[in-house]
Amino acid sequence: MSKLLFAILKVVGIIFIIFLIATFAANQIFKQKVRKEVRDLFDVQEGREREIVTEKDLDKLPSCVKRWLTNIQVIGKEKIRTVRLKQKGLIRTKEGQPWMPFEAEQYVAVDRPGFIWYVKVKAAPLIYLSGRDIFYQARGNMLIKLLSIITVADGKGKEIDQGSLVRYLAEISWYPTAVLSDYIKWEEIDDNSAKATITVEDVTASGIFYFDQNGNFFKFRGERYKEEQGSYSLGIFAGYMTDYQEFKGIILPSLAEARWELPEGDFSYFQGRIGEIEYNKAEFY
């Protein structure tokens, strides 16, 4: 091997080592940021008294919602204050784009509604995206960084706030006792659907919950702000919840899919499966 080639390989090796060290350090910094945010999210939930769901708690709900909560066995269970869960799945941002695998952790506060979704997306070999989607104190923010270093997106503003609250509402079947919260108002539509409106401070969102003939919630549909080429407009968002399994004594959908309903047809951009879920354990994984 010539001295020149050896020198080139040596330089490449050094650069690669520096790259690994830099990305590791950046990832740790990003993770610590999320850890602090989770601590802040959960801090406001502490000191709450333990409450058990009773049949009477369900009295004022639409019949289809009441039937669903009864079927999934929330009666007699402790009310959910905090949630932490792990997910794996596929995600993409555009039609025709290859699906990218992801792994995520999600943290949810119920008494004062909020969530943090911490995700790593494998974009290509040795290339990943770190993301953190947050709704805290009625404000949303989606932060995405390439290799935890380069900011790719940092969305915030009233449209993000509304979109984040829609997400919180659409995913409520993972923390179903939140259905009983005063910040959600229910309106019966028919035997198999009901409209929910959620208000947190100055942010409001709503959507329709659909239930199958067995009483299982399977679809959420509502208006949500969608970003396209730097501008926002209201679109129709649909979330599908399927493959019910028992977690911690409650029967929950383990599989979620998110779509935009577009004039040219539905665009599916998220498919995620829950691997584990824990309630009232207000800690970072």
Foldseek 3Di string as FASTA:
>chain_A
DDPVVVVVVVVVVVVVVVVVVVLVVLVVVVVVVVQVVLCVQCVVLPPDDKDAAALVLCVPAPPLLSLQQVVQPRHRPIAFAKKKFKKWWWFDDDPPDDTWIKIWMKIFGQQQGKMKIWMWTCPDVVKIKTWIWIQDQLWIWIWIAISSPHTPDTDTDLQRSQQRVVVSVFQCLLNVSSCSDPQWDWADDDNFKIKIWGDRPPYIFIWMWGADPSSHTFKTWGWGWDDDPHDTDIFIKMKTFDDWDDAPSGTGGFWMWIWTQDPVGIDTGIIMGIPHMDGPPSHDD
